[in-house]
Amino acid sequence: MNGGPRAARERPGFWQYVTYSYGKVLPPRYNEWVIRDLGGPGANYRMAIRLIIPAFVGLGLMWLIPASLYVHVGMTLPIFLPFVYFSFVLGGVYRRHRLRMHGLDPDLADWWAREKDYALRREYEERFGR
């Protein structure tokens, strides 16, 4: 997970990114980028946004039906709010699945959190001893 120049160069193009965001597997040369995308800082938010956008578009079509504001809100909010909730709650499961699809270790989905926790633990042990 080093941030060397190779990691910065190997990014998918726009269309590759869009298709990757919605399920396509990228070639192996992007594996470092995939690991950073699915396991790095902000990964859960990125996954939630990728899942919420299609729901937002689909539910937006319901607003084309002629009705009052209360009916529109009553039609869309009971569907949209649980969708947002479950996209955050199940984001880790889906990120592990995506890593497995790319032939990578699913435990890499949490590497950023583990590194951060390890640094905090090391700082604590240095300050207070074992």
C-alpha atoms as a PDB file:
ATOM      1  CA  MET A   1       0.000   0.000   0.000  1.00  0.00           C
ATOM      2  CA  ASN A   2       2.840   2.397  -0.584  1.00  0.00           C
ATOM      3  CA  GLY A   3       2.007   5.675  -2.248  1.00  0.00           C
ATOM      4  CA  GLY A   4       4.761   5.488  -4.842  1.00  0.00           C
ATOM      5  CA  PRO A   5       4.614   7.039  -8.302  1.00  0.00           C
ATOM      6  CA  ARG A   6       3.412   3.785  -9.883  1.00  0.00           C
ATOM      7  CA  ALA A   7       0.256   3.814  -7.752  1.00  0.00           C
ATOM      8  CA  ALA A   8      -0.492   7.359  -8.900  1.00  0.00           C
ATOM      9  CA  ARG A   9       0.009   6.476 -12.593  1.00  0.00           C
ATOM     10  CA  GLU A  10      -2.129   3.338 -12.712  1.00  0.00           C
ATOM     11  CA  ARG A  11      -5.616   4.828 -12.610  1.00  0.00           C
ATOM     12  CA  PRO A  12      -8.469   3.617 -14.790  1.00  0.00           C
ATOM     13  CA  GLY A  13      -9.863   5.914 -17.459  1.00  0.00           C
ATOM     14  CA  PHE A  14     -13.268   7.560 -17.162  1.00  0.00           C
ATOM     15  CA  TRP A  15     -15.312   4.774 -18.797  1.00  0.00           C
ATOM     16  CA  GLN A  16     -13.328   2.081 -17.037  1.00  0.00           C
ATOM     17  CA  TYR A  17     -14.035   3.830 -13.737  1.00  0.00           C
ATOM     18  CA  VAL A  18     -17.765   4.088 -14.472  1.00  0.00           C
ATOM     19  CA  THR A  19     -18.047   0.421 -15.444  1.00  0.00           C
ATOM     20  CA  TYR A  20     -15.891  -0.588 -12.456  1.00  0.00           C
ATOM     21  CA  SER A  21     -18.137   1.427 -10.139  1.00  0.00           C
ATOM     22  CA  TYR A  22     -21.113  -0.667 -11.191  1.00  0.00           C
ATOM     23  CA  GLY A  23     -19.604  -4.144 -11.204  1.00  0.00           C
ATOM     24  CA  LYS A  24     -17.000  -4.674 -13.924  1.00  0.00           C
ATOM     25  CA  VAL A  25     -13.636  -6.195 -12.996  1.00  0.00           C
ATOM     26  CA  LEU A  26     -10.573  -4.115 -13.890  1.00  0.00           C
ATOM     27  CA  PRO A  27      -7.407  -5.629 -15.405  1.00  0.00           C
ATOM     28  CA  PRO A  28      -4.742  -6.815 -12.901  1.00  0.00           C
ATOM     29  CA  ARG A  29      -2.516  -3.778 -13.534  1.00  0.00           C
ATOM     30  CA  TYR A  30      -5.036  -1.689 -11.549  1.00  0.00           C
ATOM     31  CA  ASN A  31      -4.963  -3.963  -8.483  1.00  0.00           C
ATOM     32  CA  GLU A  32      -3.067  -1.430  -6.353  1.00  0.00           C
ATOM     33  CA  TRP A  33      -5.639   1.227  -7.234  1.00  0.00           C
ATOM     34  CA  VAL A  34      -8.526  -1.170  -6.498  1.00  0.00           C
ATOM     35  CA  ILE A  35      -7.045  -1.950  -3.076  1.00  0.00           C
ATOM     36  CA  ARG A  36      -6.765   1.761  -2.286  1.00  0.00           C
ATOM     37  CA  ASP A  37     -10.267   2.432  -3.618  1.00  0.00           C
ATOM     38  CA  LEU A  38     -11.978  -0.368  -1.697  1.00  0.00           C
ATOM     39  CA  GLY A  39      -9.867  -0.315   1.458  1.00  0.00           C
ATOM     40  CA  GLY A  40      -8.381   3.153   1.780  1.00  0.00           C
ATOM     41  CA  PRO A  41      -9.670   6.237   3.553  1.00  0.00           C
ATOM     42  CA  GLY A  42     -13.208   7.165   2.513  1.00  0.00           C
ATOM     43  CA  ALA A  43     -13.934   3.791   0.896  1.00  0.00           C
ATOM     44  CA  ASN A  44     -17.275   3.346   2.649  1.00  0.00           C
ATOM     45  CA  TYR A  45     -18.464   6.780   1.513  1.00  0.00           C
ATOM     46  CA  ARG A  46     -17.370   6.155  -2.080  1.00  0.00           C
ATOM     47  CA  MET A  47     -19.227   2.857  -2.141  1.00  0.00           C
ATOM     48  CA  ALA A  48     -22.345   4.441  -0.653  1.00  0.00           C
ATOM     49  CA  ILE A  49     -22.331   7.222  -3.252  1.00  0.00           C
ATOM     50  CA  ARG A  50     -21.931   4.672  -6.052  1.00  0.00           C
ATOM     51  CA  LEU A  51     -24.942   2.765  -4.754  1.00  0.00           C
ATOM     52  CA  ILE A  52     -27.080   5.820  -3.999  1.00  0.00           C
ATOM     53  CA  ILE A  53     -26.729   7.510  -7.417  1.00  0.00           C
ATOM     54  CA  PRO A  54     -28.751   4.890  -9.368  1.00  0.00           C
ATOM     55  CA  ALA A  55     -31.406   4.813  -6.628  1.00  0.00           C
ATOM     56  CA  PHE A  56     -31.642   8.590  -6.708  1.00  0.00           C
ATOM     57  CA  VAL A  57     -32.056   8.577 -10.487  1.00  0.00           C
ATOM     58  CA  GLY A  58     -34.632   5.783 -10.376  1.00  0.00           C
ATOM     59  CA  LEU A  59     -36.650   7.395  -7.626  1.00  0.00           C
ATOM     60  CA  GLY A  60     -36.345  10.758  -9.364  1.00  0.00           C
ATOM     61  CA  LEU A  61     -38.484   9.341 -12.142  1.00  0.00           C
ATOM     62  CA  MET A  62     -41.316   8.992  -9.627  1.00  0.00           C
ATOM     63  CA  TRP A  63     -41.328  12.775  -9.330  1.00  0.00           C
ATOM     64  CA  LEU A  64     -42.505  12.978 -12.945  1.00  0.00           C
ATOM     65  CA  ILE A  65     -45.872  11.566 -11.879  1.00  0.00           C
ATOM     66  CA  PRO A  66     -48.266  14.490 -11.357  1.00  0.00           C
ATOM     67  CA  ALA A  67     -48.971  14.670  -7.621  1.00  0.00           C
ATOM     68  CA  SER A  68     -48.565  16.968  -4.657  1.00  0.00           C
ATOM     69  CA  LEU A  69     -45.302  17.416  -2.791  1.00  0.00           C
ATOM     70  CA  TYR A  70     -46.551  15.266   0.091  1.00  0.00           C
ATOM     71  CA  VAL A  71     -47.351  12.366  -2.227  1.00  0.00           C
ATOM     72  CA  HIS A  72     -43.934  12.618  -3.902  1.00  0.00           C
ATOM     73  CA  VAL A  73     -42.145  12.655  -0.567  1.00  0.00           C
ATOM     74  CA  GLY A  74     -44.378   9.830   0.659  1.00  0.00           C
ATOM     75  CA  MET A  75     -43.488   7.743  -2.403  1.00  0.00           C
ATOM     76  CA  THR A  76     -39.744   8.280  -2.439  1.00  0.00           C
ATOM     77  CA  LEU A  77     -38.548   8.789   1.138  1.00  0.00           C
ATOM     78  CA  PRO A  78     -39.678   5.393   2.514  1.00  0.00           C
ATOM     79  CA  ILE A  79     -37.658   3.742  -0.257  1.00  0.00           C
ATOM     80  CA  PHE A  80     -34.671   6.095  -0.342  1.00  0.00           C
ATOM     81  CA  LEU A  81     -33.831   6.326   3.382  1.00  0.00           C
ATOM     82  CA  PRO A  82     -33.503   2.555   3.969  1.00  0.00           C
ATOM     83  CA  PHE A  83     -31.490   2.338   0.759  1.00  0.00           C
ATOM     84  CA  VAL A  84     -29.026   4.920   2.082  1.00  0.00           C
ATOM     85  CA  TYR A  85     -28.903   3.196   5.472  1.00  0.00           C
ATOM     86  CA  PHE A  86     -28.213  -0.251   4.020  1.00  0.00           C
ATOM     87  CA  SER A  87     -25.638   1.084   1.577  1.00  0.00           C
ATOM     88  CA  PHE A  88     -23.560   2.240   4.559  1.00  0.00           C
ATOM     89  CA  VAL A  89     -24.253  -0.798   6.742  1.00  0.00           C
ATOM     90  CA  LEU A  90     -23.492  -3.382   4.058  1.00  0.00           C
ATOM     91  CA  GLY A  91     -20.696  -1.387   2.416  1.00  0.00           C
ATOM     92  CA  GLY A  92     -17.974  -3.471   4.046  1.00  0.00           C
ATOM     93  CA  VAL A  93     -19.542  -6.717   2.854  1.00  0.00           C
ATOM     94  CA  TYR A  94     -19.807  -5.405  -0.696  1.00  0.00           C
ATOM     95  CA  ARG A  95     -16.225  -4.080  -0.636  1.00  0.00           C
ATOM     96  CA  ARG A  96     -14.978  -7.522   0.420  1.00  0.00           C
ATOM     97  CA  HIS A  97     -16.992  -9.072  -2.400  1.00  0.00           C
ATOM     98  CA  ARG A  98     -15.499  -6.640  -4.916  1.00  0.00           C
ATOM     99  CA  LEU A  99     -11.967  -7.458  -3.743  1.00  0.00           C
ATOM    100  CA  ARG A 100     -12.724 -11.161  -4.122  1.00  0.00           C
ATOM    101  CA  MET A 101     -14.038 -10.490  -7.656  1.00  0.00           C
ATOM    102  CA  HIS A 102     -10.664  -8.924  -8.515  1.00  0.00           C
ATOM    103  CA  GLY A 103      -8.809 -11.949  -7.131  1.00  0.00           C
ATOM    104  CA  LEU A 104      -7.510 -10.036  -4.100  1.00  0.00           C
ATOM    105  CA  ASP A 105      -7.573 -10.823  -0.389  1.00  0.00           C
ATOM    106  CA  PRO A 106     -10.940  -9.697   1.077  1.00  0.00           C
ATOM    107  CA  ASP A 107      -9.211  -8.726   4.338  1.00  0.00           C
ATOM    108  CA  LEU A 108      -7.650  -5.788   2.487  1.00  0.00           C
ATOM    109  CA  ALA A 109     -11.022  -4.019   2.775  1.00  0.00           C
ATOM    110  CA  ASP A 110     -10.025  -2.949   6.304  1.00  0.00           C
ATOM    111  CA  TRP A 111      -6.317  -2.264   5.870  1.00  0.00           C
ATOM    112  CA  TRP A 112      -6.695   1.492   6.408  1.00  0.00           C
ATOM    113  CA  ALA A 113      -8.549   1.076   9.705  1.00  0.00           C
ATOM    114  CA  ARG A 114      -6.061  -1.540  10.919  1.00  0.00           C
ATOM    115  CA  GLU A 115      -3.081   0.710  10.109  1.00  0.00           C
ATOM    116  CA  LYS A 116      -4.712   3.599  11.920  1.00  0.00           C
ATOM    117  CA  ASP A 117      -5.515   1.425  14.956  1.00  0.00           C
ATOM    118  CA  TYR A 118      -1.991   0.020  14.988  1.00  0.00           C
ATOM    119  CA  ALA A 119      -0.501   3.531  14.991  1.00  0.00           C
ATOM    120  CA  LEU A 120      -2.738   4.562  17.898  1.00  0.00           C
ATOM    121  CA  ARG A 121      -1.829   1.422  19.838  1.00  0.00           C
ATOM    122  CA  ARG A 122       1.891   1.993  19.242  1.00  0.00           C
ATOM    123  CA  GLU A 123       1.572   5.596  20.426  1.00  0.00           C
ATOM    124  CA  TYR A 124      -0.299   4.431  23.538  1.00  0.00           C
ATOM    125  CA  GLU A 125       2.328   1.793  24.337  1.00  0.00           C
ATOM    126  CA  GLU A 126       5.148   4.315  23.906  1.00  0.00           C
ATOM    127  CA  ARG A 127       3.432   6.770  26.193  1.00  0.00           C
ATOM    128  CA  PHE A 128       2.233   4.409  28.943  1.00  0.00           C
ATOM    129  CA  GLY A 129       4.257   1.245  28.423  1.00  0.00           C
ATOM    130  CA  ARG A 130       2.793  -2.239  28.347  1.00  0.00           C
END
